Structure formats: structure tokens, C-alpha cells
Amino acid sequence: MGEPKFTESPWKVDTTVDELWGDDVWYLVEYHSVIANDETIASDISSEANACLIAAAPEMYAMLEDMLARFAEESVEYGMIQKLLAKARGE
């Protein structure tokens, strides 16, 4: 298994609201970013739900690593978790 090289957590969602005027209509636009260590690691995320999912990724990854030790290597669950962790690492 490759060693992950992720930005340290915790990750959090930051929402910015811009006021826009166009075609004689004023409206608000929300932009979502994911922040870690006071740096933006993902920006211009149009959906808050997607931003929240991204922000939860480090904790989900760690939980899957912990769960992996609870299953026998030949079990279906072990293989599924290994595949998910590899996917998260870009393998």
C-alpha cells in the first residue's frame, strides 16, 4: 500500500457570498472552498454538499484505515476497503 501524501487535517468548508448585478437583476452567489492549515486546497466548489464531502475526506480515510485491520485479508470487506483507499491515493 502506498503512503498517502495528503494535506494535514482538519479540513473545513468556507463559504463566500458575492453580490452580483447583471441584466438589471441583483443576486447572491455562494462559492465554497475547502481550507486546511489556513490555505485553500479546493476552491470554487458550486455545491456546499460537495465541499462538505471533500472536507470530511481525511477523517473518512483514517476511519477506513482503522477498519481495514478488523477484517481478514481474504474477506470481501478487506478487498473493498483496500480498493477505496487506493482510489483515494490516486492508484
PDB file of N, CA and C in Angstrom:
ATOM      1  N   MET A   1       0.856  -1.165   0.000  1.00  0.00           N
ATOM      2  CA  MET A   1       0.000   0.000   0.000  1.00  0.00           C
ATOM      3  C   MET A   1       0.907   1.235   0.000  1.00  0.00           C
ATOM      4  N   GLY A   2       0.645   2.171  -0.901  1.00  0.00           N
ATOM      5  CA  GLY A   2       1.413   3.405  -0.960  1.00  0.00           C
ATOM      6  C   GLY A   2       1.131   4.300   0.236  1.00  0.00           C
ATOM      7  N   GLU A   3       2.106   5.094   0.577  1.00  0.00           N
ATOM      8  CA  GLU A   3       1.940   6.036   1.689  1.00  0.00           C
ATOM      9  C   GLU A   3       1.227   7.290   1.188  1.00  0.00           C
ATOM     10  N   PRO A   4       0.071   7.643   1.784  1.00  0.00           N
ATOM     11  CA  PRO A   4      -0.654   8.835   1.322  1.00  0.00           C
ATOM     12  C   PRO A   4       0.116  10.112   1.632  1.00  0.00           C
ATOM     13  N   LYS A   5      -0.025  11.093   0.758  1.00  0.00           N
ATOM     14  CA  LYS A   5       0.640  12.381   0.943  1.00  0.00           C
ATOM     15  C   LYS A   5      -0.415  13.483   0.894  1.00  0.00           C
ATOM     16  N   PHE A   6      -1.348  13.412   1.822  1.00  0.00           N
ATOM     17  CA  PHE A   6      -2.441  14.365   1.862  1.00  0.00           C
ATOM     18  C   PHE A   6      -2.068  15.579   2.701  1.00  0.00           C
ATOM     19  N   THR A   7      -2.763  16.669   2.455  1.00  0.00           N
ATOM     20  CA  THR A   7      -2.655  17.843   3.318  1.00  0.00           C
ATOM     21  C   THR A   7      -3.204  17.469   4.683  1.00  0.00           C
ATOM     22  N   GLU A   8      -2.493  17.857   5.730  1.00  0.00           N
ATOM     23  CA  GLU A   8      -2.935  17.506   7.079  1.00  0.00           C
ATOM     24  C   GLU A   8      -4.329  18.053   7.362  1.00  0.00           C
ATOM     25  N   SER A   9      -5.089  17.298   8.134  1.00  0.00           N
ATOM     26  CA  SER A   9      -6.416  17.738   8.529  1.00  0.00           C
ATOM     27  C   SER A   9      -6.302  18.489   9.842  1.00  0.00           C
ATOM     28  N   PRO A  10      -7.310  19.155  10.313  1.00  0.00           N
ATOM     29  CA  PRO A  10      -8.678  19.129   9.814  1.00  0.00           C
ATOM     30  C   PRO A  10      -8.883  20.038   8.605  1.00  0.00           C
ATOM     31  N   TRP A  11      -9.821  19.629   7.799  1.00  0.00           N
ATOM     32  CA  TRP A  11     -10.245  20.425   6.655  1.00  0.00           C
ATOM     33  C   TRP A  11     -11.597  21.020   7.014  1.00  0.00           C
ATOM     34  N   LYS A  12     -11.871  22.231   6.547  1.00  0.00           N
ATOM     35  CA  LYS A  12     -13.172  22.848   6.841  1.00  0.00           C
ATOM     36  C   LYS A  12     -13.694  23.560   5.599  1.00  0.00           C
ATOM     37  N   VAL A  13     -14.981  23.778   5.585  1.00  0.00           N
ATOM     38  CA  VAL A  13     -15.644  24.455   4.467  1.00  0.00           C
ATOM     39  C   VAL A  13     -15.745  25.937   4.786  1.00  0.00           C
ATOM     40  N   ASP A  14     -15.404  26.750   3.813  1.00  0.00           N
ATOM     41  CA  ASP A  14     -15.543  28.201   3.922  1.00  0.00           C
ATOM     42  C   ASP A  14     -16.483  28.648   2.810  1.00  0.00           C
ATOM     43  N   THR A  15     -17.512  29.383   3.159  1.00  0.00           N
ATOM     44  CA  THR A  15     -18.487  29.853   2.174  1.00  0.00           C
ATOM     45  C   THR A  15     -18.371  31.361   2.034  1.00  0.00           C
ATOM     46  N   THR A  16     -18.285  31.800   0.788  1.00  0.00           N
ATOM     47  CA  THR A  16     -18.229  33.228   0.471  1.00  0.00           C
ATOM     48  C   THR A  16     -19.468  33.569  -0.343  1.00  0.00           C
ATOM     49  N   VAL A  17     -20.085  34.689  -0.019  1.00  0.00           N
ATOM     50  CA  VAL A  17     -21.260  35.140  -0.759  1.00  0.00           C
ATOM     51  C   VAL A  17     -20.898  36.427  -1.490  1.00  0.00           C
ATOM     52  N   ASP A  18     -21.088  36.421  -2.797  1.00  0.00           N
ATOM     53  CA  ASP A  18     -20.847  37.609  -3.613  1.00  0.00           C
ATOM     54  C   ASP A  18     -22.180  38.183  -4.072  1.00  0.00           C
ATOM     55  N   GLU A  19     -22.249  39.494  -4.103  1.00  0.00           N
ATOM     56  CA  GLU A  19     -23.415  40.174  -4.645  1.00  0.00           C
ATOM     57  C   GLU A  19     -23.095  40.534  -6.094  1.00  0.00           C
ATOM     58  N   LEU A  20     -23.940  40.119  -6.995  1.00  0.00           N
ATOM     59  CA  LEU A  20     -23.731  40.389  -8.417  1.00  0.00           C
ATOM     60  C   LEU A  20     -24.922  41.152  -8.990  1.00  0.00           C
ATOM     61  N   TRP A  21     -24.602  41.988  -9.946  1.00  0.00           N
ATOM     62  CA  TRP A  21     -25.629  42.745 -10.649  1.00  0.00           C
ATOM     63  C   TRP A  21     -25.458  42.464 -12.132  1.00  0.00           C
ATOM     64  N   GLY A  22     -26.517  41.987 -12.752  1.00  0.00           N
ATOM     65  CA  GLY A  22     -26.447  41.714 -14.177  1.00  0.00           C
ATOM     66  C   GLY A  22     -27.825  41.679 -14.778  1.00  0.00           C
ATOM     67  N   ASP A  23     -27.937  42.217 -15.971  1.00  0.00           N
ATOM     68  CA  ASP A  23     -29.233  42.250 -16.672  1.00  0.00           C
ATOM     69  C   ASP A  23     -30.324  42.844 -15.783  1.00  0.00           C
ATOM     70  N   ASP A  24     -29.989  43.939 -15.112  1.00  0.00           N
ATOM     71  CA  ASP A  24     -30.920  44.642 -14.227  1.00  0.00           C
ATOM     72  C   ASP A  24     -31.462  43.778 -13.091  1.00  0.00           C
ATOM     73  N   VAL A  25     -30.690  42.768 -12.702  1.00  0.00           N
ATOM     74  CA  VAL A  25     -31.099  41.894 -11.597  1.00  0.00           C
ATOM     75  C   VAL A  25     -29.934  41.791 -10.621  1.00  0.00           C
ATOM     76  N   TRP A  26     -30.234  41.948  -9.351  1.00  0.00           N
ATOM     77  CA  TRP A  26     -29.234  41.781  -8.309  1.00  0.00           C
ATOM     78  C   TRP A  26     -29.444  40.412  -7.683  1.00  0.00           C
ATOM     79  N   TYR A  27     -28.363  39.657  -7.502  1.00  0.00           N
ATOM     80  CA  TYR A  27     -28.500  38.341  -6.890  1.00  0.00           C
ATOM     81  C   TYR A  27     -27.229  37.979  -6.129  1.00  0.00           C
ATOM     82  N   LEU A  28     -27.369  36.988  -5.268  1.00  0.00           N
ATOM     83  CA  LEU A  28     -26.258  36.499  -4.458  1.00  0.00           C
ATOM     84  C   LEU A  28     -25.766  35.169  -5.021  1.00  0.00           C
ATOM     85  N   VAL A  29     -24.454  34.999  -5.027  1.00  0.00           N
ATOM     86  CA  VAL A  29     -23.850  33.745  -5.475  1.00  0.00           C
ATOM     87  C   VAL A  29     -22.957  33.234  -4.354  1.00  0.00           C
ATOM     88  N   GLU A  30     -23.134  31.977  -4.005  1.00  0.00           N
ATOM     89  CA  GLU A  30     -22.296  31.356  -2.984  1.00  0.00           C
ATOM     90  C   GLU A  30     -21.169  30.566  -3.635  1.00  0.00           C
ATOM     91  N   TYR A  31     -19.992  30.719  -3.095  1.00  0.00           N
ATOM     92  CA  TYR A  31     -18.840  29.925  -3.517  1.00  0.00           C
ATOM     93  C   TYR A  31     -18.331  29.189  -2.277  1.00  0.00           C
ATOM     94  N   HIS A  32     -17.960  27.954  -2.460  1.00  0.00           N
ATOM     95  CA  HIS A  32     -17.488  27.151  -1.348  1.00  0.00           C
ATOM     96  C   HIS A  32     -16.042  26.746  -1.612  1.00  0.00           C
ATOM     97  N   SER A  33     -15.260  26.783  -0.554  1.00  0.00           N
ATOM     98  CA  SER A  33     -13.867  26.363  -0.614  1.00  0.00           C
ATOM     99  C   SER A  33     -13.597  25.418   0.538  1.00  0.00           C
ATOM    100  N   VAL A  34     -12.555  24.610   0.389  1.00  0.00           N
ATOM    101  CA  VAL A  34     -12.106  23.756   1.481  1.00  0.00           C
ATOM    102  C   VAL A  34     -10.763  24.302   1.938  1.00  0.00           C
ATOM    103  N   ILE A  35     -10.664  24.544   3.246  1.00  0.00           N
ATOM    104  CA  ILE A  35      -9.491  25.159   3.852  1.00  0.00           C
ATOM    105  C   ILE A  35      -8.801  24.147   4.769  1.00  0.00           C
ATOM    106  N   ALA A  36      -7.469  24.089   4.682  1.00  0.00           N
ATOM    107  CA  ALA A  36      -6.667  23.279   5.601  1.00  0.00           C
ATOM    108  C   ALA A  36      -5.402  24.059   5.928  1.00  0.00           C
ATOM    109  N   ASN A  37      -5.086  24.130   7.201  1.00  0.00           N
ATOM    110  CA  ASN A  37      -3.885  24.853   7.642  1.00  0.00           C
ATOM    111  C   ASN A  37      -3.873  26.283   7.106  1.00  0.00           C
ATOM    112  N   ASP A  38      -5.016  26.937   7.137  1.00  0.00           N
ATOM    113  CA  ASP A  38      -5.173  28.323   6.679  1.00  0.00           C
ATOM    114  C   ASP A  38      -4.875  28.518   5.191  1.00  0.00           C
ATOM    115  N   GLU A  39      -4.902  27.452   4.405  1.00  0.00           N
ATOM    116  CA  GLU A  39      -4.707  27.540   2.959  1.00  0.00           C
ATOM    117  C   GLU A  39      -5.887  26.889   2.244  1.00  0.00           C
ATOM    118  N   THR A  40      -6.269  27.469   1.118  1.00  0.00           N
ATOM    119  CA  THR A  40      -7.346  26.893   0.314  1.00  0.00           C
ATOM    120  C   THR A  40      -6.788  25.713  -0.458  1.00  0.00           C
ATOM    121  N   ILE A  41      -7.420  24.550  -0.277  1.00  0.00           N
ATOM    122  CA  ILE A  41      -6.964  23.368  -1.011  1.00  0.00           C
ATOM    123  C   ILE A  41      -7.933  22.972  -2.120  1.00  0.00           C
ATOM    124  N   ALA A  42      -9.141  23.516  -2.089  1.00  0.00           N
ATOM    125  CA  ALA A  42     -10.114  23.315  -3.166  1.00  0.00           C
ATOM    126  C   ALA A  42     -11.000  24.557  -3.187  1.00  0.00           C
ATOM    127  N   SER A  43     -11.227  25.113  -4.371  1.00  0.00           N
ATOM    128  CA  SER A  43     -11.996  26.352  -4.432  1.00  0.00           C
ATOM    129  C   SER A  43     -13.035  26.305  -5.532  1.00  0.00           C
ATOM    130  N   ASP A  44     -13.905  27.309  -5.503  1.00  0.00           N
ATOM    131  CA  ASP A  44     -14.984  27.447  -6.487  1.00  0.00           C
ATOM    132  C   ASP A  44     -15.836  26.195  -6.592  1.00  0.00           C
ATOM    133  N   ILE A  45     -16.129  25.588  -5.458  1.00  0.00           N
ATOM    134  CA  ILE A  45     -16.994  24.413  -5.421  1.00  0.00           C
ATOM    135  C   ILE A  45     -18.423  24.924  -5.389  1.00  0.00           C
ATOM    136  N   SER A  46     -19.193  24.595  -6.413  1.00  0.00           N
ATOM    137  CA  SER A  46     -20.529  25.181  -6.538  1.00  0.00           C
ATOM    138  C   SER A  46     -21.538  24.605  -5.549  1.00  0.00           C
ATOM    139  N   SER A  47     -21.310  23.405  -5.078  1.00  0.00           N
ATOM    140  CA  SER A  47     -22.258  22.770  -4.179  1.00  0.00           C
ATOM    141  C   SER A  47     -21.677  22.668  -2.767  1.00  0.00           C
ATOM    142  N   GLU A  48     -22.410  23.152  -1.791  1.00  0.00           N
ATOM    143  CA  GLU A  48     -21.956  23.047  -0.407  1.00  0.00           C
ATOM    144  C   GLU A  48     -21.833  21.581   0.003  1.00  0.00           C
ATOM    145  N   ALA A  49     -22.736  20.736  -0.495  1.00  0.00           N
ATOM    146  CA  ALA A  49     -22.675  19.311  -0.165  1.00  0.00           C
ATOM    147  C   ALA A  49     -21.360  18.699  -0.654  1.00  0.00           C
ATOM    148  N   ASN A  50     -20.907  19.066  -1.847  1.00  0.00           N
ATOM    149  CA  ASN A  50     -19.631  18.553  -2.356  1.00  0.00           C
ATOM    150  C   ASN A  50     -18.474  19.062  -1.513  1.00  0.00           C
ATOM    151  N   ALA A  51     -18.525  20.311  -1.112  1.00  0.00           N
ATOM    152  CA  ALA A  51     -17.471  20.883  -0.274  1.00  0.00           C
ATOM    153  C   ALA A  51     -17.405  20.158   1.069  1.00  0.00           C
ATOM    154  N   CYS A  52     -18.554  19.859   1.644  1.00  0.00           N
ATOM    155  CA  CYS A  52     -18.590  19.145   2.921  1.00  0.00           C
ATOM    156  C   CYS A  52     -18.029  17.725   2.780  1.00  0.00           C
ATOM    157  N   LEU A  53     -18.331  17.073   1.681  1.00  0.00           N
ATOM    158  CA  LEU A  53     -17.797  15.735   1.426  1.00  0.00           C
ATOM    159  C   LEU A  53     -16.279  15.780   1.303  1.00  0.00           C
ATOM    160  N   ILE A  54     -15.763  16.750   0.585  1.00  0.00           N
ATOM    161  CA  ILE A  54     -14.316  16.899   0.441  1.00  0.00           C
ATOM    162  C   ILE A  54     -13.678  17.167   1.805  1.00  0.00           C
ATOM    163  N   ALA A  55     -14.296  18.032   2.592  1.00  0.00           N
ATOM    164  CA  ALA A  55     -13.752  18.375   3.905  1.00  0.00           C
ATOM    165  C   ALA A  55     -13.731  17.176   4.848  1.00  0.00           C
ATOM    166  N   ALA A  56     -14.642  16.235   4.677  1.00  0.00           N
ATOM    167  CA  ALA A  56     -14.700  15.048   5.533  1.00  0.00           C
ATOM    168  C   ALA A  56     -13.739  13.944   5.082  1.00  0.00           C
ATOM    169  N   ALA A  57     -13.134  14.080   3.920  1.00  0.00           N
ATOM    170  CA  ALA A  57     -12.303  13.031   3.337  1.00  0.00           C
ATOM    171  C   ALA A  57     -11.175  12.537   4.246  1.00  0.00           C
ATOM    172  N   PRO A  58     -10.405  13.407   4.897  1.00  0.00           N
ATOM    173  CA  PRO A  58      -9.318  12.886   5.733  1.00  0.00           C
ATOM    174  C   PRO A  58      -9.805  11.991   6.872  1.00  0.00           C
ATOM    175  N   GLU A  59     -10.921  12.372   7.482  1.00  0.00           N
ATOM    176  CA  GLU A  59     -11.468  11.569   8.572  1.00  0.00           C
ATOM    177  C   GLU A  59     -12.014  10.242   8.056  1.00  0.00           C
ATOM    178  N   MET A  60     -12.644  10.259   6.890  1.00  0.00           N
ATOM    179  CA  MET A  60     -13.155   9.017   6.313  1.00  0.00           C
ATOM    180  C   MET A  60     -12.000   8.087   5.942  1.00  0.00           C
ATOM    181  N   TYR A  61     -10.931   8.648   5.380  1.00  0.00           N
ATOM    182  CA  TYR A  61      -9.763   7.849   5.011  1.00  0.00           C
ATOM    183  C   TYR A  61      -9.177   7.180   6.260  1.00  0.00           C
ATOM    184  N   ALA A  62      -8.995   7.951   7.315  1.00  0.00           N
ATOM    185  CA  ALA A  62      -8.432   7.409   8.557  1.00  0.00           C
ATOM    186  C   ALA A  62      -9.316   6.314   9.135  1.00  0.00           C
ATOM    187  N   MET A  63     -10.636   6.514   9.072  1.00  0.00           N
ATOM    188  CA  MET A  63     -11.550   5.508   9.594  1.00  0.00           C
ATOM    189  C   MET A  63     -11.461   4.219   8.775  1.00  0.00           C
ATOM    190  N   LEU A  64     -11.369   4.345   7.458  1.00  0.00           N
ATOM    191  CA  LEU A  64     -11.238   3.152   6.617  1.00  0.00           C
ATOM    192  C   LEU A  64      -9.933   2.411   6.917  1.00  0.00           C
ATOM    193  N   GLU A  65      -8.848   3.166   7.147  1.00  0.00           N
ATOM    194  CA  GLU A  65      -7.585   2.515   7.524  1.00  0.00           C
ATOM    195  C   GLU A  65      -7.756   1.734   8.827  1.00  0.00           C
ATOM    196  N   ASP A  66      -8.427   2.323   9.803  1.00  0.00           N
ATOM    197  CA  ASP A  66      -8.669   1.639  11.079  1.00  0.00           C
ATOM    198  C   ASP A  66      -9.547   0.402  10.886  1.00  0.00           C
ATOM    199  N   MET A  67     -10.549   0.512  10.043  1.00  0.00           N
ATOM    200  CA  MET A  67     -11.460  -0.606   9.795  1.00  0.00           C
ATOM    201  C   MET A  67     -10.754  -1.752   9.085  1.00  0.00           C
ATOM    202  N   LEU A  68      -9.781  -1.441   8.240  1.00  0.00           N
ATOM    203  CA  LEU A  68      -9.082  -2.461   7.463  1.00  0.00           C
ATOM    204  C   LEU A  68      -8.473  -3.522   8.374  1.00  0.00           C
ATOM    205  N   ALA A  69      -7.957  -3.106   9.514  1.00  0.00           N
ATOM    206  CA  ALA A  69      -7.322  -4.031  10.457  1.00  0.00           C
ATOM    207  C   ALA A  69      -8.321  -4.985  11.110  1.00  0.00           C
ATOM    208  N   ARG A  70      -9.587  -4.691  11.010  1.00  0.00           N
ATOM    209  CA  ARG A  70     -10.601  -5.515  11.672  1.00  0.00           C
ATOM    210  C   ARG A  70     -11.098  -6.673  10.808  1.00  0.00           C
ATOM    211  N   PHE A  71     -10.706  -6.685   9.543  1.00  0.00           N
ATOM    212  CA  PHE A  71     -11.172  -7.729   8.629  1.00  0.00           C
ATOM    213  C   PHE A  71     -10.019  -8.636   8.218  1.00  0.00           C
ATOM    214  N   ALA A  72     -10.346  -9.912   7.993  1.00  0.00           N
ATOM    215  CA  ALA A  72      -9.355 -10.856   7.487  1.00  0.00           C
ATOM    216  C   ALA A  72      -9.003 -10.475   6.050  1.00  0.00           C
ATOM    217  N   GLU A  73      -7.733 -10.671   5.668  1.00  0.00           N
ATOM    218  CA  GLU A  73      -7.275 -10.261   4.336  1.00  0.00           C
ATOM    219  C   GLU A  73      -8.067 -10.907   3.201  1.00  0.00           C
ATOM    220  N   GLU A  74      -8.602 -12.087   3.423  1.00  0.00           N
ATOM    221  CA  GLU A  74      -9.347 -12.767   2.354  1.00  0.00           C
ATOM    222  C   GLU A  74     -10.826 -12.387   2.306  1.00  0.00           C
ATOM    223  N   SER A  75     -11.267 -11.527   3.217  1.00  0.00           N
ATOM    224  CA  SER A  75     -12.683 -11.149   3.239  1.00  0.00           C
ATOM    225  C   SER A  75     -13.014 -10.141   2.138  1.00  0.00           C
ATOM    226  N   VAL A  76     -14.271 -10.128   1.770  1.00  0.00           N
ATOM    227  CA  VAL A  76     -14.768  -9.187   0.770  1.00  0.00           C
ATOM    228  C   VAL A  76     -14.596  -7.758   1.251  1.00  0.00           C
ATOM    229  N   GLU A  77     -14.896  -7.527   2.516  1.00  0.00           N
ATOM    230  CA  GLU A  77     -14.783  -6.179   3.073  1.00  0.00           C
ATOM    231  C   GLU A  77     -13.353  -5.655   3.005  1.00  0.00           C
ATOM    232  N   TYR A  78     -12.387  -6.500   3.316  1.00  0.00           N
ATOM    233  CA  TYR A  78     -10.976  -6.106   3.260  1.00  0.00           C
ATOM    234  C   TYR A  78     -10.615  -5.644   1.846  1.00  0.00           C
ATOM    235  N   GLY A  79     -11.010  -6.405   0.862  1.00  0.00           N
ATOM    236  CA  GLY A  79     -10.728  -6.044  -0.534  1.00  0.00           C
ATOM    237  C   GLY A  79     -11.410  -4.751  -0.943  1.00  0.00           C
ATOM    238  N   MET A  80     -12.652  -4.554  -0.518  1.00  0.00           N
ATOM    239  CA  MET A  80     -13.379  -3.337  -0.861  1.00  0.00           C
ATOM    240  C   MET A  80     -12.722  -2.109  -0.233  1.00  0.00           C
ATOM    241  N   ILE A  81     -12.337  -2.223   1.026  1.00  0.00           N
ATOM    242  CA  ILE A  81     -11.701  -1.097   1.709  1.00  0.00           C
ATOM    243  C   ILE A  81     -10.353  -0.801   1.069  1.00  0.00           C
ATOM    244  N   GLN A  82      -9.585  -1.839   0.747  1.00  0.00           N
ATOM    245  CA  GLN A  82      -8.299  -1.618   0.081  1.00  0.00           C
ATOM    246  C   GLN A  82      -8.478  -0.870  -1.239  1.00  0.00           C
ATOM    247  N   LYS A  83      -9.484  -1.225  -1.998  1.00  0.00           N
ATOM    248  CA  LYS A  83      -9.745  -0.556  -3.287  1.00  0.00           C
ATOM    249  C   LYS A  83     -10.118   0.917  -3.083  1.00  0.00           C
ATOM    250  N   LEU A  84     -10.940   1.194  -2.078  1.00  0.00           N
ATOM    251  CA  LEU A  84     -11.318   2.585  -1.791  1.00  0.00           C
ATOM    252  C   LEU A  84     -10.122   3.420  -1.364  1.00  0.00           C
ATOM    253  N   LEU A  85      -9.282   2.864  -0.494  1.00  0.00           N
ATOM    254  CA  LEU A  85      -8.087   3.594  -0.053  1.00  0.00           C
ATOM    255  C   LEU A  85      -7.138   3.843  -1.224  1.00  0.00           C
ATOM    256  N   ALA A  86      -6.979   2.855  -2.085  1.00  0.00           N
ATOM    257  CA  ALA A  86      -6.123   3.024  -3.264  1.00  0.00           C
ATOM    258  C   ALA A  86      -6.683   4.100  -4.187  1.00  0.00           C
ATOM    259  N   LYS A  87      -7.989   4.116  -4.362  1.00  0.00           N
ATOM    260  CA  LYS A  87      -8.618   5.135  -5.188  1.00  0.00           C
ATOM    261  C   LYS A  87      -8.380   6.533  -4.608  1.00  0.00           C
ATOM    262  N   ALA A  88      -8.494   6.656  -3.291  1.00  0.00           N
ATOM    263  CA  ALA A  88      -8.263   7.947  -2.636  1.00  0.00           C
ATOM    264  C   ALA A  88      -6.815   8.408  -2.809  1.00  0.00           C
ATOM    265  N   ARG A  89      -5.891   7.465  -2.922  1.00  0.00           N
ATOM    266  CA  ARG A  89      -4.476   7.799  -3.116  1.00  0.00           C
ATOM    267  C   ARG A  89      -4.146   8.026  -4.593  1.00  0.00           C
ATOM    268  N   GLY A  90      -5.123   7.813  -5.464  1.00  0.00           N
ATOM    269  CA  GLY A  90      -4.908   8.011  -6.892  1.00  0.00           C
ATOM    270  C   GLY A  90      -4.232   6.846  -7.580  1.00  0.00           C
ATOM    271  N   GLU A  91      -4.337   5.676  -6.977  1.00  0.00           N
ATOM    272  CA  GLU A  91      -3.704   4.471  -7.555  1.00  0.00           C
ATOM    273  C   GLU A  91      -4.673   3.725  -8.450  1.00  0.00           C
TER     274      GLU A  91
END
